[in-house]
Amino acid sequence: MSSIYIKLLRLHMKRYLLPILILMSFLGFSQKYDTNTPELYTKYREDQFYAAVTYNLLNDKPSDISQTGFSSGFHLGFIRDMPINKRRNVALGLGLGISANSYNQKNVLIQEIDNTINFTKIDEGDYDVSKNKFATYLVEVPFELRWRTSSQSEYNFWRIYTGFKVGYVVYNTTKFKSEVTTEKLSNINSFNSMQYGLTLSAGYGTWNFHVYYGLNSIFDGTTSFEGNSLDMTSLKIGLMFYIL
């Protein structure tokens, strides 16, 4: 049942994220506050809903592992904006979100043998591989220190948001498809259930650069490849969109 739920979640995130981003872009360019009623916006807040698309990279890879294709990430959530100064352009943010991430890989086969998960080095040329990736699905808690040039009368402004994000992996999958064998695993214990890292979002108006730098390994300490601990971390680079 959980597998079906996760598949539906990922499908809907892919299907609806583009329309959501287009809507955010439209609202970002069109929304302005009424300067004739400043008292109404004395307690204004900014950027409480977010959506992001990222390109996911693997840091600290063993020399025998590489990435191919486009490894994507889709992120949605809400961050409560809590201004800490009178102008309300400096704030703290605390939120809750969901994240779906895929990582295409090369030259490693993840399979279960005798109830044990193995990460095996292979030559993909011998397998005629058509798919080799793993994916994680997380519930995340972002915390941000926010600075911006906003005012109560103008929506488009510069922003720099730095922060920290903690995620809990609620589901994971691995998929390997070739002419020789097909391997599909889900909810294996090789992944770190808690993943955390530093975040930065910066930009003007609708379009914002976003980066997540993972501080701990995607896989747990018992996972090894070629006799060495598999300590790969995640680096996500992409675009962040805010609204309201």
C-alpha atoms as a PDB file:
ATOM      1  CA  MET A   1       0.000   0.000   0.000  1.00  0.00           C
ATOM      2  CA  SER A   2       2.826   2.432   0.867  1.00  0.00           C
ATOM      3  CA  SER A   3       4.473   1.720  -2.481  1.00  0.00           C
ATOM      4  CA  ILE A   4       1.290   2.636  -4.346  1.00  0.00           C
ATOM      5  CA  TYR A   5       0.926   5.814  -2.267  1.00  0.00           C
ATOM      6  CA  ILE A   6       4.488   6.925  -2.987  1.00  0.00           C
ATOM      7  CA  LYS A   7       4.105   6.267  -6.718  1.00  0.00           C
ATOM      8  CA  LEU A   8       0.920   8.331  -6.781  1.00  0.00           C
ATOM      9  CA  LEU A   9       2.621  11.109  -4.787  1.00  0.00           C
ATOM     10  CA  ARG A  10       5.573  11.282  -7.187  1.00  0.00           C
ATOM     11  CA  LEU A  11       3.253  11.189 -10.214  1.00  0.00           C
ATOM     12  CA  HIS A  12       1.144  14.046  -8.889  1.00  0.00           C
ATOM     13  CA  MET A  13       4.216  16.107  -7.910  1.00  0.00           C
ATOM     14  CA  LYS A  14       5.550  15.808 -11.464  1.00  0.00           C
ATOM     15  CA  ARG A  15       2.167  16.472 -13.044  1.00  0.00           C
ATOM     16  CA  TYR A  16       1.181  19.507 -11.012  1.00  0.00           C
ATOM     17  CA  LEU A  17       4.506  21.137 -10.154  1.00  0.00           C
ATOM     18  CA  LEU A  18       4.864  22.902 -13.528  1.00  0.00           C
ATOM     19  CA  PRO A  19       1.354  24.457 -13.374  1.00  0.00           C
ATOM     20  CA  ILE A  20       2.061  25.499  -9.784  1.00  0.00           C
ATOM     21  CA  LEU A  21       5.344  27.150 -10.804  1.00  0.00           C
ATOM     22  CA  ILE A  22       3.637  28.953 -13.698  1.00  0.00           C
ATOM     23  CA  LEU A  23       0.928  30.190 -11.335  1.00  0.00           C
ATOM     24  CA  MET A  24       3.560  31.347  -8.849  1.00  0.00           C
ATOM     25  CA  SER A  25       5.391  33.175 -11.616  1.00  0.00           C
ATOM     26  CA  PHE A  26       2.192  34.937 -12.711  1.00  0.00           C
ATOM     27  CA  LEU A  27       1.290  35.935  -9.183  1.00  0.00           C
ATOM     28  CA  GLY A  28       4.844  37.033  -8.499  1.00  0.00           C
ATOM     29  CA  PHE A  29       4.756  39.529 -11.367  1.00  0.00           C
ATOM     30  CA  SER A  30       1.195  40.699 -10.818  1.00  0.00           C
ATOM     31  CA  GLN A  31       0.775  40.942  -7.055  1.00  0.00           C
ATOM     32  CA  LYS A  32       1.232  44.356  -5.409  1.00  0.00           C
ATOM     33  CA  TYR A  33      -0.076  45.707  -2.159  1.00  0.00           C
ATOM     34  CA  ASP A  34      -2.500  48.594  -2.010  1.00  0.00           C
ATOM     35  CA  THR A  35      -0.481  51.585  -0.835  1.00  0.00           C
ATOM     36  CA  ASN A  36      -3.695  53.399   0.112  1.00  0.00           C
ATOM     37  CA  THR A  37      -4.315  50.955   2.949  1.00  0.00           C
ATOM     38  CA  PRO A  38      -0.934  50.597   4.649  1.00  0.00           C
ATOM     39  CA  GLU A  39      -2.403  49.734   8.032  1.00  0.00           C
ATOM     40  CA  LEU A  40      -3.849  46.538   6.610  1.00  0.00           C
ATOM     41  CA  TYR A  41      -0.352  45.267   5.817  1.00  0.00           C
ATOM     42  CA  THR A  42       1.471  46.450   8.925  1.00  0.00           C
ATOM     43  CA  LYS A  43       1.884  42.817   9.948  1.00  0.00           C
ATOM     44  CA  TYR A  44       2.639  41.488   6.474  1.00  0.00           C
ATOM     45  CA  ARG A  45       4.559  38.255   5.953  1.00  0.00           C
ATOM     46  CA  GLU A  46       6.397  37.021   2.880  1.00  0.00           C
ATOM     47  CA  ASP A  47       7.300  33.819   1.041  1.00  0.00           C
ATOM     48  CA  GLN A  48       5.357  31.277   3.072  1.00  0.00           C
ATOM     49  CA  PHE A  49       4.659  28.742   0.312  1.00  0.00           C
ATOM     50  CA  TYR A  50       7.492  27.335  -1.759  1.00  0.00           C
ATOM     51  CA  ALA A  51       8.116  24.983  -4.675  1.00  0.00           C
ATOM     52  CA  ALA A  52      11.480  23.988  -6.087  1.00  0.00           C
ATOM     53  CA  VAL A  53      13.003  21.923  -8.868  1.00  0.00           C
ATOM     54  CA  THR A  54      16.594  20.743  -8.447  1.00  0.00           C
ATOM     55  CA  TYR A  55      19.330  18.856 -10.224  1.00  0.00           C
ATOM     56  CA  ASN A  56      20.695  16.296  -7.767  1.00  0.00           C
ATOM     57  CA  LEU A  57      24.403  15.512  -7.597  1.00  0.00           C
ATOM     58  CA  LEU A  58      26.263  12.900  -5.561  1.00  0.00           C
ATOM     59  CA  ASN A  59      29.245  14.191  -3.594  1.00  0.00           C
ATOM     60  CA  ASP A  60      32.103  12.033  -2.297  1.00  0.00           C
ATOM     61  CA  LYS A  61      31.437   9.279  -4.814  1.00  0.00           C
ATOM     62  CA  PRO A  62      33.839   6.337  -5.019  1.00  0.00           C
ATOM     63  CA  SER A  63      35.952   6.622  -8.160  1.00  0.00           C
ATOM     64  CA  ASP A  64      34.134   3.656  -9.715  1.00  0.00           C
ATOM     65  CA  ILE A  65      30.680   5.259  -9.421  1.00  0.00           C
ATOM     66  CA  SER A  66      29.480   8.015 -11.736  1.00  0.00           C
ATOM     67  CA  GLN A  67      26.189   9.705 -12.595  1.00  0.00           C
ATOM     68  CA  THR A  68      24.349   9.686 -15.898  1.00  0.00           C
ATOM     69  CA  GLY A  69      21.295  11.519 -17.168  1.00  0.00           C
ATOM     70  CA  PHE A  70      19.284  14.051 -15.199  1.00  0.00           C
ATOM     71  CA  SER A  71      18.805  13.309 -11.503  1.00  0.00           C
ATOM     72  CA  SER A  72      15.827  15.374 -10.403  1.00  0.00           C
ATOM     73  CA  GLY A  73      14.303  16.679  -7.206  1.00  0.00           C
ATOM     74  CA  PHE A  74      10.831  18.103  -6.573  1.00  0.00           C
ATOM     75  CA  HIS A  75      10.100  20.003  -3.375  1.00  0.00           C
ATOM     76  CA  LEU A  76       6.917  21.579  -1.968  1.00  0.00           C
ATOM     77  CA  GLY A  77       6.051  23.038   1.395  1.00  0.00           C
ATOM     78  CA  PHE A  78       5.053  25.807   3.773  1.00  0.00           C
ATOM     79  CA  ILE A  79       7.378  27.995   5.853  1.00  0.00           C
ATOM     80  CA  ARG A  80       5.931  30.232   8.555  1.00  0.00           C
ATOM     81  CA  ASP A  81       7.494  33.683   8.133  1.00  0.00           C
ATOM     82  CA  MET A  82       8.262  35.295  11.519  1.00  0.00           C
ATOM     83  CA  PRO A  83       9.675  38.850  11.145  1.00  0.00           C
ATOM     84  CA  ILE A  84      11.979  39.962  13.947  1.00  0.00           C
ATOM     85  CA  ASN A  85      12.369  43.688  13.192  1.00  0.00           C
ATOM     86  CA  LYS A  86       9.993  46.614  12.779  1.00  0.00           C
ATOM     87  CA  ARG A  87      10.429  46.867   9.013  1.00  0.00           C
ATOM     88  CA  ARG A  88       9.742  43.109   8.796  1.00  0.00           C
ATOM     89  CA  ASN A  89      12.459  42.527   6.217  1.00  0.00           C
ATOM     90  CA  VAL A  90      14.456  40.288   8.559  1.00  0.00           C
ATOM     91  CA  ALA A  91      12.719  37.130   9.674  1.00  0.00           C
ATOM     92  CA  LEU A  92      13.008  33.588  10.892  1.00  0.00           C
ATOM     93  CA  GLY A  93      11.251  30.811   9.013  1.00  0.00           C
ATOM     94  CA  LEU A  94      10.159  27.384  10.213  1.00  0.00           C
ATOM     95  CA  GLY A  95       8.176  25.019   8.053  1.00  0.00           C
ATOM     96  CA  LEU A  96       7.140  21.607   6.822  1.00  0.00           C
ATOM     97  CA  GLY A  97       7.484  20.146   3.345  1.00  0.00           C
ATOM     98  CA  ILE A  98       7.799  17.068   1.164  1.00  0.00           C
ATOM     99  CA  SER A  99      10.596  16.133  -1.197  1.00  0.00           C
ATOM    100  CA  ALA A 100      11.028  13.507  -3.934  1.00  0.00           C
ATOM    101  CA  ASN A 101      14.560  12.864  -5.188  1.00  0.00           C
ATOM    102  CA  SER A 102      16.037  10.526  -7.784  1.00  0.00           C
ATOM    103  CA  TYR A 103      19.712   9.786  -8.413  1.00  0.00           C
ATOM    104  CA  ASN A 104      20.881   8.117 -11.615  1.00  0.00           C
ATOM    105  CA  GLN A 105      24.050   6.117 -11.129  1.00  0.00           C
ATOM    106  CA  LYS A 106      26.477   4.023 -13.153  1.00  0.00           C
ATOM    107  CA  ASN A 107      28.615   0.928 -12.533  1.00  0.00           C
ATOM    108  CA  VAL A 108      26.920  -0.190  -9.312  1.00  0.00           C
ATOM    109  CA  LEU A 109      24.247  -2.865  -8.923  1.00  0.00           C
ATOM    110  CA  ILE A 110      22.075  -2.799  -5.792  1.00  0.00           C
ATOM    111  CA  GLN A 111      20.521  -6.207  -5.172  1.00  0.00           C
ATOM    112  CA  GLU A 112      19.324  -8.464  -2.378  1.00  0.00           C
ATOM    113  CA  ILE A 113      21.156 -11.766  -1.929  1.00  0.00           C
ATOM    114  CA  ASP A 114      20.215 -14.115   0.927  1.00  0.00           C
ATOM    115  CA  ASN A 115      18.325 -11.316   2.712  1.00  0.00           C
ATOM    116  CA  THR A 116      21.375  -9.042   2.516  1.00  0.00           C
ATOM    117  CA  ILE A 117      21.563  -5.843   0.454  1.00  0.00           C
ATOM    118  CA  ASN A 118      24.684  -5.770  -1.701  1.00  0.00           C
ATOM    119  CA  PHE A 119      26.251  -2.878  -3.609  1.00  0.00           C
ATOM    120  CA  THR A 120      28.288  -4.540  -6.347  1.00  0.00           C
ATOM    121  CA  LYS A 121      30.674  -3.010  -8.869  1.00  0.00           C
ATOM    122  CA  ILE A 122      29.772  -3.895 -12.456  1.00  0.00           C
ATOM    123  CA  ASP A 123      30.708  -2.938 -15.992  1.00  0.00           C
ATOM    124  CA  GLU A 124      27.454  -1.634 -17.420  1.00  0.00           C
ATOM    125  CA  GLY A 125      28.666  -2.427 -20.920  1.00  0.00           C
ATOM    126  CA  ASP A 126      28.317  -6.113 -20.053  1.00  0.00           C
ATOM    127  CA  TYR A 127      24.712  -5.650 -18.909  1.00  0.00           C
ATOM    128  CA  ASP A 128      23.249  -3.310 -21.544  1.00  0.00           C
ATOM    129  CA  VAL A 129      21.704  -1.198 -18.759  1.00  0.00           C
ATOM    130  CA  SER A 130      18.616   0.894 -19.521  1.00  0.00           C
ATOM    131  CA  LYS A 131      17.902   2.122 -15.972  1.00  0.00           C
ATOM    132  CA  ASN A 132      19.993   2.348 -12.818  1.00  0.00           C
ATOM    133  CA  LYS A 133      18.858   4.693 -10.079  1.00  0.00           C
ATOM    134  CA  PHE A 134      17.680   5.068  -6.509  1.00  0.00           C
ATOM    135  CA  ALA A 135      15.108   7.455  -5.068  1.00  0.00           C
ATOM    136  CA  THR A 136      14.212   8.886  -1.679  1.00  0.00           C
ATOM    137  CA  TYR A 137      10.984  10.466  -0.453  1.00  0.00           C
ATOM    138  CA  LEU A 138      11.194  12.709   2.580  1.00  0.00           C
ATOM    139  CA  VAL A 139       9.161  14.776   4.987  1.00  0.00           C
ATOM    140  CA  GLU A 140      11.275  17.840   5.711  1.00  0.00           C
ATOM    141  CA  VAL A 141      11.515  20.581   8.334  1.00  0.00           C
ATOM    142  CA  PRO A 142      13.296  23.687   6.976  1.00  0.00           C
ATOM    143  CA  PHE A 143      14.592  26.479   9.217  1.00  0.00           C
ATOM    144  CA  GLU A 144      15.720  29.769   7.666  1.00  0.00           C
ATOM    145  CA  LEU A 145      17.232  33.124   8.566  1.00  0.00           C
ATOM    146  CA  ARG A 146      15.677  35.511   6.051  1.00  0.00           C
ATOM    147  CA  TRP A 147      16.824  38.905   4.778  1.00  0.00           C
ATOM    148  CA  ARG A 148      15.034  40.802   2.004  1.00  0.00           C
ATOM    149  CA  THR A 149      14.429  44.293   0.635  1.00  0.00           C
ATOM    150  CA  SER A 150      10.656  43.963   0.947  1.00  0.00           C
ATOM    151  CA  SER A 151       8.176  46.587   2.074  1.00  0.00           C
ATOM    152  CA  GLN A 152       4.447  46.539   2.733  1.00  0.00           C
ATOM    153  CA  SER A 153       3.721  48.123  -0.645  1.00  0.00           C
ATOM    154  CA  GLU A 154       5.865  46.128  -3.085  1.00  0.00           C
ATOM    155  CA  TYR A 155       5.986  42.404  -3.778  1.00  0.00           C
ATOM    156  CA  ASN A 156       9.073  42.095  -5.987  1.00  0.00           C
ATOM    157  CA  PHE A 157      12.272  42.372  -3.958  1.00  0.00           C
ATOM    158  CA  TRP A 158      15.718  40.911  -3.438  1.00  0.00           C
ATOM    159  CA  ARG A 159      16.063  38.089  -0.926  1.00  0.00           C
ATOM    160  CA  ILE A 160      18.802  35.999   0.656  1.00  0.00           C
ATOM    161  CA  TYR A 161      17.610  33.111   2.816  1.00  0.00           C
ATOM    162  CA  THR A 162      20.126  30.845   4.543  1.00  0.00           C
ATOM    163  CA  GLY A 163      19.171  27.896   6.646  1.00  0.00           C
ATOM    164  CA  PHE A 164      19.214  24.292   7.711  1.00  0.00           C
ATOM    165  CA  LYS A 165      16.935  21.455   6.691  1.00  0.00           C
ATOM    166  CA  VAL A 166      16.236  18.114   8.364  1.00  0.00           C
ATOM    167  CA  GLY A 167      14.466  15.378   6.439  1.00  0.00           C
ATOM    168  CA  TYR A 168      13.035  12.005   7.405  1.00  0.00           C
ATOM    169  CA  VAL A 169      13.056   9.344   4.682  1.00  0.00           C
ATOM    170  CA  VAL A 170       9.572   7.842   4.627  1.00  0.00           C
ATOM    171  CA  TYR A 171      10.220   5.669   1.568  1.00  0.00           C
ATOM    172  CA  ASN A 172      13.064   4.646  -0.726  1.00  0.00           C
ATOM    173  CA  THR A 173      13.441   2.627  -3.914  1.00  0.00           C
ATOM    174  CA  THR A 174      16.216   1.233  -6.091  1.00  0.00           C
ATOM    175  CA  LYS A 175      15.737   0.205  -9.725  1.00  0.00           C
ATOM    176  CA  PHE A 176      18.109  -1.609 -12.052  1.00  0.00           C
ATOM    177  CA  LYS A 177      17.001  -2.737 -15.497  1.00  0.00           C
ATOM    178  CA  SER A 178      19.164  -4.422 -18.110  1.00  0.00           C
ATOM    179  CA  GLU A 179      19.188  -7.213 -20.674  1.00  0.00           C
ATOM    180  CA  VAL A 180      20.779  -9.489 -18.047  1.00  0.00           C
ATOM    181  CA  THR A 181      18.710  -8.848 -14.925  1.00  0.00           C
ATOM    182  CA  THR A 182      16.100  -6.585 -13.366  1.00  0.00           C
ATOM    183  CA  GLU A 183      16.252  -5.598  -9.701  1.00  0.00           C
ATOM    184  CA  LYS A 184      13.636  -3.545  -7.860  1.00  0.00           C
ATOM    185  CA  LEU A 185      13.860  -2.942  -4.125  1.00  0.00           C
ATOM    186  CA  SER A 186      11.912  -0.714  -1.763  1.00  0.00           C
ATOM    187  CA  ASN A 187      12.242   0.431   1.829  1.00  0.00           C
ATOM    188  CA  ILE A 188      15.641  -1.167   2.308  1.00  0.00           C
ATOM    189  CA  ASN A 189      17.592  -0.438   5.481  1.00  0.00           C
ATOM    190  CA  SER A 190      20.695   0.813   3.670  1.00  0.00           C
ATOM    191  CA  PHE A 191      19.534   4.453   3.669  1.00  0.00           C
ATOM    192  CA  ASN A 192      19.995   6.919   6.506  1.00  0.00           C
ATOM    193  CA  SER A 193      16.503   7.623   7.804  1.00  0.00           C
ATOM    194  CA  MET A 194      17.513  11.150   8.872  1.00  0.00           C
ATOM    195  CA  GLN A 195      19.170  13.406   6.311  1.00  0.00           C
ATOM    196  CA  TYR A 196      20.152  17.010   6.908  1.00  0.00           C
ATOM    197  CA  GLY A 197      22.073  19.836   5.312  1.00  0.00           C
ATOM    198  CA  LEU A 198      22.559  23.556   4.722  1.00  0.00           C
ATOM    199  CA  THR A 199      20.344  25.581   2.385  1.00  0.00           C
ATOM    200  CA  LEU A 200      20.630  28.854   0.494  1.00  0.00           C
ATOM    201  CA  SER A 201      18.002  30.622  -1.606  1.00  0.00           C
ATOM    202  CA  ALA A 202      18.770  33.955  -3.259  1.00  0.00           C
ATOM    203  CA  GLY A 203      17.236  36.003  -6.030  1.00  0.00           C
ATOM    204  CA  TYR A 204      14.800  38.695  -7.088  1.00  0.00           C
ATOM    205  CA  GLY A 205      11.056  38.411  -7.509  1.00  0.00           C
ATOM    206  CA  THR A 206       9.859  35.047  -8.754  1.00  0.00           C
ATOM    207  CA  TRP A 207      13.162  33.483  -9.815  1.00  0.00           C
ATOM    208  CA  ASN A 208      15.549  32.355  -7.104  1.00  0.00           C
ATOM    209  CA  PHE A 209      18.694  30.254  -7.113  1.00  0.00           C
ATOM    210  CA  HIS A 210      18.541  27.425  -4.581  1.00  0.00           C
ATOM    211  CA  VAL A 211      21.156  25.023  -3.239  1.00  0.00           C
ATOM    212  CA  TYR A 212      21.072  22.267  -0.631  1.00  0.00           C
ATOM    213  CA  TYR A 213      24.380  20.906   0.671  1.00  0.00           C
ATOM    214  CA  GLY A 214      23.993  17.591   2.498  1.00  0.00           C
ATOM    215  CA  LEU A 215      26.016  17.206   5.679  1.00  0.00           C
ATOM    216  CA  ASN A 216      25.502  13.499   6.290  1.00  0.00           C
ATOM    217  CA  SER A 217      25.631  10.425   4.099  1.00  0.00           C
ATOM    218  CA  ILE A 218      22.626   9.285   2.075  1.00  0.00           C
ATOM    219  CA  PHE A 219      23.422   5.712   3.124  1.00  0.00           C
ATOM    220  CA  ASP A 220      23.936   4.424   6.654  1.00  0.00           C
ATOM    221  CA  GLY A 221      27.277   3.438   8.147  1.00  0.00           C
ATOM    222  CA  THR A 222      26.838  -0.270   7.422  1.00  0.00           C
ATOM    223  CA  THR A 223      26.564   0.221   3.654  1.00  0.00           C
ATOM    224  CA  SER A 224      29.786  -0.525   1.782  1.00  0.00           C
ATOM    225  CA  PHE A 225      31.036  -0.624  -1.800  1.00  0.00           C
ATOM    226  CA  GLU A 226      34.209  -2.451  -2.788  1.00  0.00           C
ATOM    227  CA  GLY A 227      35.061  -2.908   0.884  1.00  0.00           C
ATOM    228  CA  ASN A 228      34.750   0.788   1.768  1.00  0.00           C
ATOM    229  CA  SER A 229      31.977   2.694   3.511  1.00  0.00           C
ATOM    230  CA  LEU A 230      29.621   4.345   1.021  1.00  0.00           C
ATOM    231  CA  ASP A 231      29.595   7.925   2.309  1.00  0.00           C
ATOM    232  CA  MET A 232      28.001   9.777  -0.601  1.00  0.00           C
ATOM    233  CA  THR A 233      26.206  13.016   0.232  1.00  0.00           C
ATOM    234  CA  SER A 234      23.679  15.024  -1.741  1.00  0.00           C
ATOM    235  CA  LEU A 235      24.136  18.359  -3.492  1.00  0.00           C
ATOM    236  CA  LYS A 236      20.934  19.815  -4.959  1.00  0.00           C
ATOM    237  CA  ILE A 237      21.054  22.858  -7.249  1.00  0.00           C
ATOM    238  CA  GLY A 238      18.024  24.452  -8.861  1.00  0.00           C
ATOM    239  CA  LEU A 239      15.269  27.052  -8.798  1.00  0.00           C
ATOM    240  CA  MET A 240      13.079  28.039  -5.861  1.00  0.00           C
ATOM    241  CA  PHE A 241       9.721  29.788  -6.191  1.00  0.00           C
ATOM    242  CA  TYR A 242       7.966  31.594  -3.327  1.00  0.00           C
ATOM    243  CA  ILE A 243       4.470  32.974  -2.927  1.00  0.00           C
ATOM    244  CA  LEU A 244       2.395  34.673  -0.208  1.00  0.00           C
END
